[in-house]
Amino acid sequence: MTLRSVVEASRGVFIGREKEVKLLILALIAKEHFLMVSEPGTAKTMLAETARAFGYSTSYYLLTRDTTVTDVLADTLAVREHGGREGVEKISVEYEPKGFLLSEVVIVDEVFKASSDVLNAFLGLMNERRVTLGSHTFSSPLITMIGASNEYPRDDPVLAAFSDRFLIRHFVSYIPKDMWTQYFVSYWGNHRLGRRSFEVPPSVRAELEDAQRHLFDVDVYGILSPYEQALALLEDRGIKLSDRRKARTLKLVAASALYEGRSEALEEDLEALLYTAPTSPEELPTVEKALEECVGDVIKAKREVEAFNSTLGTLLLVKDERGVLEALAKLSSVKRKLSALKGDRYRVMEAELEKAEDVLVGRLVGDIGAEEDAEMAAEEKREMVLGR
């Protein structure tokens, strides 16, 4: 198993959430923070399970306006000390770390409902991996904070500044209709078997930690020119990134290269901008257009291929002849896009699609089995659909 295959392994448990699993892996490689803006019931528990599958310690907390620093970071202890004079006692407050201060991955639900004290503590935790409580400073093993909210703050400058600490900003939607069948089948089967997560072997955790160590060894110089062009186009169109965000986006670009098993960033890794530049779903098309103008359709093709790969299981559930023919047409379209993409994993995908194509064609043969020369009839339909 490799880092890429973790996403494949998650597909059997977390249907339609491959993108979120991949983004979590990239956040862990880059040691950056991940904000999910979504409706309730979209992937937060899944991300915690994925982090635990890697062996990371995790904590979860649902914030309210009344949440205090001691609720999430440390318990307070009153310590009595005898003074210098007989009968005089001095009471001091000490802190015992808990929860977020002891965890490598933390999930903060309703993150923008934090009080000012909690926000200040989180800033120290996110930026410096340490928090000062009273006269004591505590270090934290934190790698990634996952924040979740159903809205993105635009009118509050304090919250907007806090949100800028989350390098990845991902606007999550519900599972699309064409994946409902696959989702329901998986949900029912996994619960019947008592399977709620998946296993990640120690070798993959070691691969992730090796990627963390070599993040700044990745050669990003070859993509700087199109990256700068994209940033300039975005500024011209009203989307401005802070200097910190511009530089840190390169960490996500490098993490993408390492995830793909490369030590050199390619233009397709600039997909990272889709998760660092927009502050709303409405800005996403503007970022997509800017990238397309700078690097062509390589990123669009990559996203379409990965989205299709997520729905492949649903397509293979199709049994009626019309559905099979439509599935074959989709396969053909995706295979054409795959041929333009570089990398061994895309060649592996091509082989997988060939197998899926054979399964569907075999199904056509079965459906037409009563006809004379059934195999020839199926092949003729296949050639008609695929344009061969």
Protein backbone atom coordinates (compact mmCIF):
# COMPACT_ATOMS: atom_id res chain seq x y z
CA MET A 1 0.00 0.00 0.00
CA THR A 2 1.13 3.56 -0.80
CA LEU A 3 -0.24 6.99 0.09
CA ARG A 4 -2.23 7.00 -3.14
CA SER A 5 -3.67 3.58 -2.41
CA VAL A 6 -4.97 4.86 0.96
CA VAL A 7 -7.49 6.87 -1.03
CA GLU A 8 -8.43 3.71 -2.94
CA ALA A 9 -8.79 1.78 0.33
CA SER A 10 -11.01 4.49 1.80
CA ARG A 11 -13.38 4.20 -1.15
CA GLY A 12 -14.84 0.97 0.18
CA VAL A 13 -15.84 2.66 3.45
CA PHE A 14 -16.23 6.37 2.72
CA ILE A 15 -18.07 6.50 -0.59
CA GLY A 16 -17.66 9.72 -2.56
CA ARG A 17 -15.14 11.19 -0.13
CA GLU A 18 -11.87 10.39 -1.91
CA LYS A 19 -11.13 14.09 -2.40
CA GLU A 20 -11.45 14.80 1.33
CA VAL A 21 -9.20 11.85 2.23
CA LYS A 22 -6.58 13.02 -0.27
CA LEU A 23 -6.71 16.60 1.06
CA LEU A 24 -6.21 15.32 4.59
CA ILE A 25 -3.14 13.38 3.46
CA LEU A 26 -1.76 16.50 1.72
CA ALA A 27 -2.43 18.55 4.87
CA LEU A 28 -0.55 15.97 6.97
CA ILE A 29 2.40 15.94 4.55
CA ALA A 30 2.59 19.75 4.54
CA LYS A 31 1.78 19.99 8.28
CA GLU A 32 -0.86 22.55 7.43
CA HIS A 33 -4.42 23.10 8.61
CA PHE A 34 -7.61 22.13 6.81
CA LEU A 35 -10.93 24.02 6.86
CA MET A 36 -14.11 22.30 5.69
CA VAL A 37 -17.11 24.49 4.97
CA SER A 38 -20.08 22.18 4.70
CA GLU A 39 -23.56 21.22 5.76
CA PRO A 40 -23.92 18.80 8.71
CA GLY A 41 -23.24 15.16 7.96
CA THR A 42 -20.45 15.60 5.42
CA ALA A 43 -17.18 13.83 6.16
CA LYS A 44 -15.98 15.18 9.54
CA THR A 45 -16.19 11.80 11.29
CA MET A 46 -14.62 10.19 8.23
CA LEU A 47 -11.57 12.47 8.48
CA ALA A 48 -11.11 11.57 12.14
CA GLU A 49 -11.30 7.86 11.25
CA THR A 50 -8.73 8.36 8.47
CA ALA A 51 -6.32 10.11 10.84
CA ARG A 52 -6.73 7.29 13.35
CA ALA A 53 -6.12 4.73 10.57
CA PHE A 54 -2.66 6.28 10.20
CA GLY A 55 -2.13 5.83 13.92
CA TYR A 56 -2.39 9.51 14.85
CA SER A 57 -3.89 10.55 18.16
CA THR A 58 -7.04 12.63 17.61
CA SER A 59 -9.45 14.85 19.52
CA TYR A 60 -12.83 16.27 18.57
CA TYR A 61 -14.76 19.15 20.10
CA LEU A 62 -17.95 21.00 19.13
CA LEU A 63 -17.44 24.65 20.03
CA THR A 64 -20.04 27.07 21.35
CA ARG A 65 -19.72 30.70 22.42
CA ASP A 66 -19.44 29.43 26.00
CA THR A 67 -16.53 27.06 25.35
CA THR A 68 -13.48 28.00 27.44
CA VAL A 69 -9.79 27.34 26.99
CA THR A 70 -9.87 24.85 29.85
CA ASP A 71 -12.66 22.90 28.13
CA VAL A 72 -10.44 21.96 25.20
CA LEU A 73 -6.81 22.36 26.27
CA ALA A 74 -6.23 21.74 29.97
CA ASP A 75 -7.83 21.12 33.34
CA THR A 76 -7.18 23.56 36.15
CA LEU A 77 -5.83 22.33 39.47
CA ALA A 78 -5.85 24.34 42.69
CA VAL A 79 -2.62 23.69 44.58
CA ARG A 80 -2.25 24.65 48.24
CA GLU A 81 1.16 25.74 49.43
CA HIS A 82 2.15 26.59 52.99
CA GLY A 83 3.41 30.14 53.38
CA GLY A 84 6.34 31.31 55.43
CA ARG A 85 4.23 32.11 58.47
CA GLU A 86 2.48 29.47 60.48
CA GLY A 87 -1.15 28.93 59.46
CA VAL A 88 -0.79 30.85 56.19
CA GLU A 89 -1.62 28.99 52.97
CA LYS A 90 -1.11 30.09 49.39
CA ILE A 91 -3.37 28.71 46.67
CA SER A 92 -2.02 28.65 43.11
CA VAL A 93 -3.55 27.42 39.86
CA GLU A 94 -1.79 24.86 37.71
CA TYR A 95 -2.82 23.35 34.39
CA GLU A 96 -2.91 19.72 33.34
CA PRO A 97 -2.84 19.34 29.51
CA LYS A 98 -5.62 17.36 27.84
CA GLY A 99 -7.46 17.01 24.54
CA PHE A 100 -6.07 19.31 21.87
CA LEU A 101 -2.75 19.82 23.66
CA LEU A 102 -2.05 16.08 23.55
CA SER A 103 -3.31 15.26 20.05
CA GLU A 104 -1.60 15.12 16.67
CA VAL A 105 -4.81 15.75 14.70
CA VAL A 106 -7.66 17.82 16.14
CA ILE A 107 -11.14 18.30 14.70
CA VAL A 108 -12.88 21.52 15.73
CA ASP A 109 -16.56 21.65 14.81
CA GLU A 110 -18.21 25.08 14.48
CA VAL A 111 -14.71 26.53 14.64
CA PHE A 112 -15.80 30.13 14.08
CA LYS A 113 -17.98 30.12 17.19
CA ALA A 114 -14.90 30.23 19.39
CA SER A 115 -14.56 33.01 21.95
CA SER A 116 -11.67 35.48 21.68
CA ASP A 117 -9.72 33.62 24.39
CA VAL A 118 -10.12 30.30 22.60
CA LEU A 119 -9.20 31.88 19.25
CA ASN A 120 -6.00 33.31 20.73
CA ALA A 121 -5.10 29.93 22.18
CA PHE A 122 -5.81 28.26 18.83
CA LEU A 123 -3.57 30.74 17.02
CA GLY A 124 -0.67 29.78 19.27
CA LEU A 125 -1.47 26.13 18.79
CA MET A 126 -1.69 26.43 14.99
CA ASN A 127 1.27 28.73 14.40
CA GLU A 128 3.77 27.72 17.07
CA ARG A 129 2.46 24.35 18.27
CA ARG A 130 2.48 25.69 21.80
CA VAL A 131 0.08 27.49 24.13
CA THR A 132 0.71 29.66 27.19
CA LEU A 133 -1.70 29.21 30.08
CA GLY A 134 -1.03 31.40 33.08
CA SER A 135 2.72 31.32 33.66
CA HIS A 136 3.19 27.97 31.91
CA THR A 137 3.88 27.31 28.22
CA PHE A 138 2.90 23.89 26.88
CA SER A 139 4.18 22.33 23.66
CA SER A 140 1.84 20.31 21.47
CA PRO A 141 2.44 17.41 19.04
CA LEU A 142 -0.17 18.93 16.69
CA ILE A 143 0.34 18.22 12.99
CA THR A 144 -2.97 19.33 11.52
CA MET A 145 -6.05 21.10 12.81
CA ILE A 146 -9.26 20.35 10.92
CA GLY A 147 -11.80 23.11 11.31
CA ALA A 148 -15.42 22.67 10.29
CA SER A 149 -18.15 25.25 9.79
CA ASN A 150 -21.34 25.65 7.78
CA GLU A 151 -20.30 29.13 6.67
CA TYR A 152 -17.16 31.10 5.88
CA PRO A 153 -16.60 34.40 7.76
CA ARG A 154 -16.39 37.38 5.42
CA ASP A 155 -17.62 40.34 7.44
CA ASP A 156 -15.67 39.76 10.66
CA PRO A 157 -12.01 40.84 10.22
CA VAL A 158 -10.86 38.91 13.31
CA LEU A 159 -12.39 35.64 12.11
CA ALA A 160 -11.19 36.30 8.56
CA ALA A 161 -7.62 36.66 9.86
CA PHE A 162 -8.02 33.48 11.90
CA SER A 163 -9.38 31.58 8.88
CA ASP A 164 -6.28 32.54 6.89
CA ARG A 165 -4.32 30.14 9.14
CA PHE A 166 -6.17 27.27 7.47
CA LEU A 167 -4.19 26.79 4.27
CA ILE A 168 -6.71 24.37 2.77
CA ARG A 169 -10.26 25.68 2.38
CA HIS A 170 -12.60 23.06 1.03
CA PHE A 171 -16.29 23.62 0.30
CA VAL A 172 -17.94 20.25 0.71
CA SER A 173 -21.15 19.16 -0.98
CA TYR A 174 -23.44 16.24 -0.35
CA ILE A 175 -22.82 13.07 -2.37
CA PRO A 176 -24.18 13.53 -5.93
CA LYS A 177 -27.23 11.60 -7.10
CA ASP A 178 -25.28 9.38 -9.47
CA MET A 179 -23.43 7.93 -6.44
CA TRP A 180 -26.43 7.30 -4.20
CA THR A 181 -26.75 3.62 -5.12
CA GLN A 182 -23.07 2.96 -4.47
CA TYR A 183 -23.29 4.89 -1.19
CA PHE A 184 -26.36 3.02 0.06
CA VAL A 185 -24.91 -0.40 -0.86
CA SER A 186 -21.64 0.44 0.90
CA TYR A 187 -23.34 1.97 3.94
CA TRP A 188 -25.57 -1.05 4.47
CA GLY A 189 -22.86 -3.63 3.85
CA ASN A 190 -20.28 -1.92 6.07
CA HIS A 191 -22.71 -1.55 8.97
CA ARG A 192 -23.85 -5.15 8.59
CA LEU A 193 -20.22 -6.27 8.84
CA GLY A 194 -19.39 -3.77 11.60
CA ARG A 195 -16.76 -2.10 9.41
CA ARG A 196 -16.44 1.62 10.12
CA SER A 197 -12.89 2.32 9.00
CA PHE A 198 -9.96 0.80 7.12
CA GLU A 199 -6.41 -0.19 8.00
CA VAL A 200 -3.24 1.65 7.02
CA PRO A 201 -0.09 -0.44 7.47
CA PRO A 202 2.91 1.03 9.35
CA SER A 203 4.88 1.23 6.07
CA VAL A 204 2.45 3.86 4.76
CA ARG A 205 2.72 5.90 7.96
CA ALA A 206 6.50 5.73 7.44
CA GLU A 207 6.05 6.91 3.83
CA LEU A 208 3.97 9.86 5.03
CA GLU A 209 6.58 10.82 7.64
CA ASP A 210 9.33 10.54 5.01
CA ALA A 211 7.31 12.88 2.78
CA GLN A 212 7.03 15.35 5.68
CA ARG A 213 10.81 15.35 6.07
CA HIS A 214 11.45 15.89 2.36
CA LEU A 215 8.77 18.51 1.66
CA PHE A 216 11.27 21.30 1.01
CA ASP A 217 13.45 19.04 -1.13
CA VAL A 218 10.78 19.05 -3.84
CA ASP A 219 11.78 21.04 -6.93
CA VAL A 220 9.05 23.65 -7.38
CA TYR A 221 11.06 26.02 -9.56
CA GLY A 222 9.68 24.68 -12.83
CA ILE A 223 6.11 25.70 -11.99
CA LEU A 224 6.85 29.16 -10.56
CA SER A 225 6.19 30.96 -13.84
CA PRO A 226 2.66 29.58 -14.43
CA TYR A 227 1.99 29.89 -10.68
CA GLU A 228 2.85 33.59 -10.71
CA GLN A 229 0.77 34.08 -13.87
CA ALA A 230 -2.22 32.45 -12.16
CA LEU A 231 -1.81 34.63 -9.06
CA ALA A 232 -1.65 37.76 -11.23
CA LEU A 233 -4.81 36.77 -13.11
CA LEU A 234 -6.62 36.11 -9.83
CA GLU A 235 -5.64 39.52 -8.44
CA ASP A 236 -6.89 41.18 -11.63
CA ARG A 237 -10.20 39.37 -11.08
CA GLY A 238 -10.57 40.34 -7.44
CA ILE A 239 -9.18 37.28 -5.65
CA LYS A 240 -6.17 38.30 -3.59
CA LEU A 241 -4.09 35.95 -1.46
CA SER A 242 -2.05 37.13 1.51
CA ASP A 243 1.72 36.89 1.09
CA ARG A 244 1.72 34.10 3.66
CA ARG A 245 -0.91 32.16 1.70
CA LYS A 246 0.92 32.64 -1.62
CA ALA A 247 4.11 31.12 -0.16
CA ARG A 248 2.41 28.35 1.81
CA THR A 249 0.44 27.23 -1.22
CA LEU A 250 3.77 26.01 -2.58
CA LYS A 251 3.89 23.60 0.38
CA LEU A 252 0.65 22.06 -0.83
CA VAL A 253 2.03 21.94 -4.39
CA ALA A 254 5.10 20.08 -3.07
CA ALA A 255 2.90 17.77 -0.98
CA SER A 256 0.90 16.91 -4.12
CA ALA A 257 4.11 15.94 -5.93
CA LEU A 258 5.24 13.72 -3.05
CA TYR A 259 1.78 12.13 -2.87
CA GLU A 260 2.23 11.19 -6.53
CA GLY A 261 5.69 9.77 -5.80
CA ARG A 262 7.61 12.61 -7.45
CA SER A 263 10.37 14.92 -6.26
CA GLU A 264 9.50 17.54 -8.86
CA ALA A 265 6.31 19.59 -9.03
CA LEU A 266 4.41 19.56 -12.32
CA GLU A 267 1.75 21.90 -13.65
CA GLU A 268 -1.00 19.51 -12.52
CA ASP A 269 0.11 20.09 -8.91
CA LEU A 270 -1.06 23.69 -9.22
CA GLU A 271 -4.50 22.21 -8.56
CA ALA A 272 -3.58 23.19 -4.99
CA LEU A 273 -4.75 26.73 -5.82
CA LEU A 274 -8.31 25.44 -6.06
CA TYR A 275 -8.15 24.75 -2.32
CA THR A 276 -6.14 27.76 -1.14
CA ALA A 277 -7.48 30.68 -3.20
CA PRO A 278 -11.32 30.65 -3.08
CA THR A 279 -13.16 32.02 -0.06
CA SER A 280 -16.52 30.82 -1.40
CA PRO A 281 -17.81 28.22 -3.87
CA GLU A 282 -18.71 31.11 -6.18
CA GLU A 283 -15.02 31.98 -6.60
CA LEU A 284 -14.03 28.45 -7.63
CA PRO A 285 -14.88 28.86 -11.37
CA THR A 286 -12.72 32.00 -11.48
CA VAL A 287 -9.74 30.06 -10.09
CA GLU A 288 -10.39 27.15 -12.46
CA LYS A 289 -10.48 29.56 -15.44
CA ALA A 290 -7.23 31.27 -14.39
CA LEU A 291 -5.45 27.91 -14.10
CA GLU A 292 -6.79 26.79 -17.46
CA GLU A 293 -5.44 29.95 -19.08
CA CYS A 294 -2.01 29.33 -17.54
CA VAL A 295 -1.53 25.56 -17.87
CA GLY A 296 -4.19 24.42 -20.33
CA ASP A 297 -6.75 21.75 -19.51
CA VAL A 298 -4.40 19.37 -17.66
CA ILE A 299 -5.93 20.15 -14.23
CA LYS A 300 -9.49 20.03 -15.54
CA ALA A 301 -8.78 16.66 -17.15
CA LYS A 302 -7.20 15.35 -13.95
CA ARG A 303 -10.21 16.39 -11.86
CA GLU A 304 -12.66 14.87 -14.32
CA VAL A 305 -10.73 11.60 -14.36
CA GLU A 306 -10.59 11.43 -10.54
CA ALA A 307 -14.29 12.29 -10.25
CA PHE A 308 -15.14 9.56 -12.73
CA ASN A 309 -12.96 7.08 -10.87
CA SER A 310 -15.11 7.72 -7.78
CA THR A 311 -18.26 6.74 -9.67
CA LEU A 312 -16.79 3.66 -11.36
CA GLY A 313 -18.30 1.36 -8.74
CA THR A 314 -21.76 2.73 -9.48
CA LEU A 315 -21.30 2.24 -13.22
CA LEU A 316 -20.35 -1.38 -12.68
CA LEU A 317 -23.67 -1.93 -10.88
CA VAL A 318 -25.55 -1.06 -14.10
CA LYS A 319 -27.29 -4.06 -15.65
CA ASP A 320 -29.74 -2.83 -18.29
CA GLU A 321 -28.49 -2.54 -21.87
CA ARG A 322 -29.04 1.20 -22.20
CA GLY A 323 -27.23 1.86 -18.92
CA VAL A 324 -24.30 -0.32 -20.01
CA LEU A 325 -24.02 1.55 -23.31
CA GLU A 326 -24.04 4.91 -21.48
CA ALA A 327 -21.39 3.64 -19.06
CA LEU A 328 -19.21 2.54 -21.98
CA ALA A 329 -19.56 5.99 -23.54
CA LYS A 330 -18.39 7.61 -20.29
CA LEU A 331 -15.47 5.21 -20.07
CA SER A 332 -14.40 6.09 -23.60
CA SER A 333 -14.49 9.83 -22.87
CA VAL A 334 -12.43 9.46 -19.70
CA LYS A 335 -9.87 7.23 -21.42
CA ARG A 336 -9.25 9.97 -23.98
CA LYS A 337 -8.58 12.46 -21.19
CA LEU A 338 -6.29 9.98 -19.41
CA SER A 339 -4.08 9.69 -22.46
CA ALA A 340 -3.09 13.36 -22.07
CA LEU A 341 -1.99 13.00 -18.43
CA LYS A 342 1.53 12.10 -17.33
CA GLY A 343 2.41 9.67 -14.55
CA ASP A 344 2.40 5.97 -13.81
CA ARG A 345 -0.82 6.13 -11.81
CA TYR A 346 -2.73 7.29 -14.89
CA ARG A 347 -1.41 4.31 -16.81
CA VAL A 348 -2.68 2.11 -13.96
CA MET A 349 -6.06 3.86 -14.22
CA GLU A 350 -6.11 3.12 -17.95
CA ALA A 351 -5.60 -0.58 -17.22
CA GLU A 352 -8.39 -0.48 -14.62
CA LEU A 353 -10.74 1.17 -17.10
CA GLU A 354 -9.89 -1.47 -19.69
CA LYS A 355 -10.94 -4.14 -17.19
CA ALA A 356 -14.14 -2.24 -16.37
CA GLU A 357 -14.83 -1.93 -20.09
CA ASP A 358 -14.43 -5.68 -20.51
CA VAL A 359 -16.89 -6.29 -17.64
CA LEU A 360 -19.49 -4.04 -19.23
CA VAL A 361 -19.02 -5.51 -22.68
CA GLY A 362 -19.34 -8.96 -21.14
CA ARG A 363 -22.61 -7.80 -19.64
CA LEU A 364 -23.78 -6.73 -23.08
CA VAL A 365 -22.98 -10.19 -24.39
CA GLY A 366 -25.03 -11.69 -21.58
CA ASP A 367 -27.97 -9.39 -22.28
CA ILE A 368 -27.98 -10.29 -25.96
CA GLY A 369 -27.22 -13.95 -25.30
CA ALA A 370 -30.36 -15.18 -26.99
CA GLU A 371 -29.38 -13.56 -30.28
CA GLU A 372 -27.44 -15.32 -32.99
CA ASP A 373 -23.78 -14.26 -33.05
CA ALA A 374 -24.19 -12.56 -29.67
CA GLU A 375 -20.52 -11.72 -29.24
CA MET A 376 -20.36 -10.07 -32.63
CA ALA A 377 -23.48 -8.05 -31.84
CA ALA A 378 -21.97 -6.89 -28.54
CA GLU A 379 -18.69 -5.94 -30.20
CA GLU A 380 -20.54 -4.00 -32.88
CA LYS A 381 -22.37 -2.04 -30.17
CA ARG A 382 -19.12 -1.49 -28.32
CA GLU A 383 -17.43 -0.14 -31.44
CA MET A 384 -20.40 2.08 -32.16
CA VAL A 385 -20.31 3.59 -28.67
CA LEU A 386 -16.54 3.89 -28.38
CA GLY A 387 -16.09 5.20 -31.88
CA ARG A 388 -13.47 2.62 -32.79
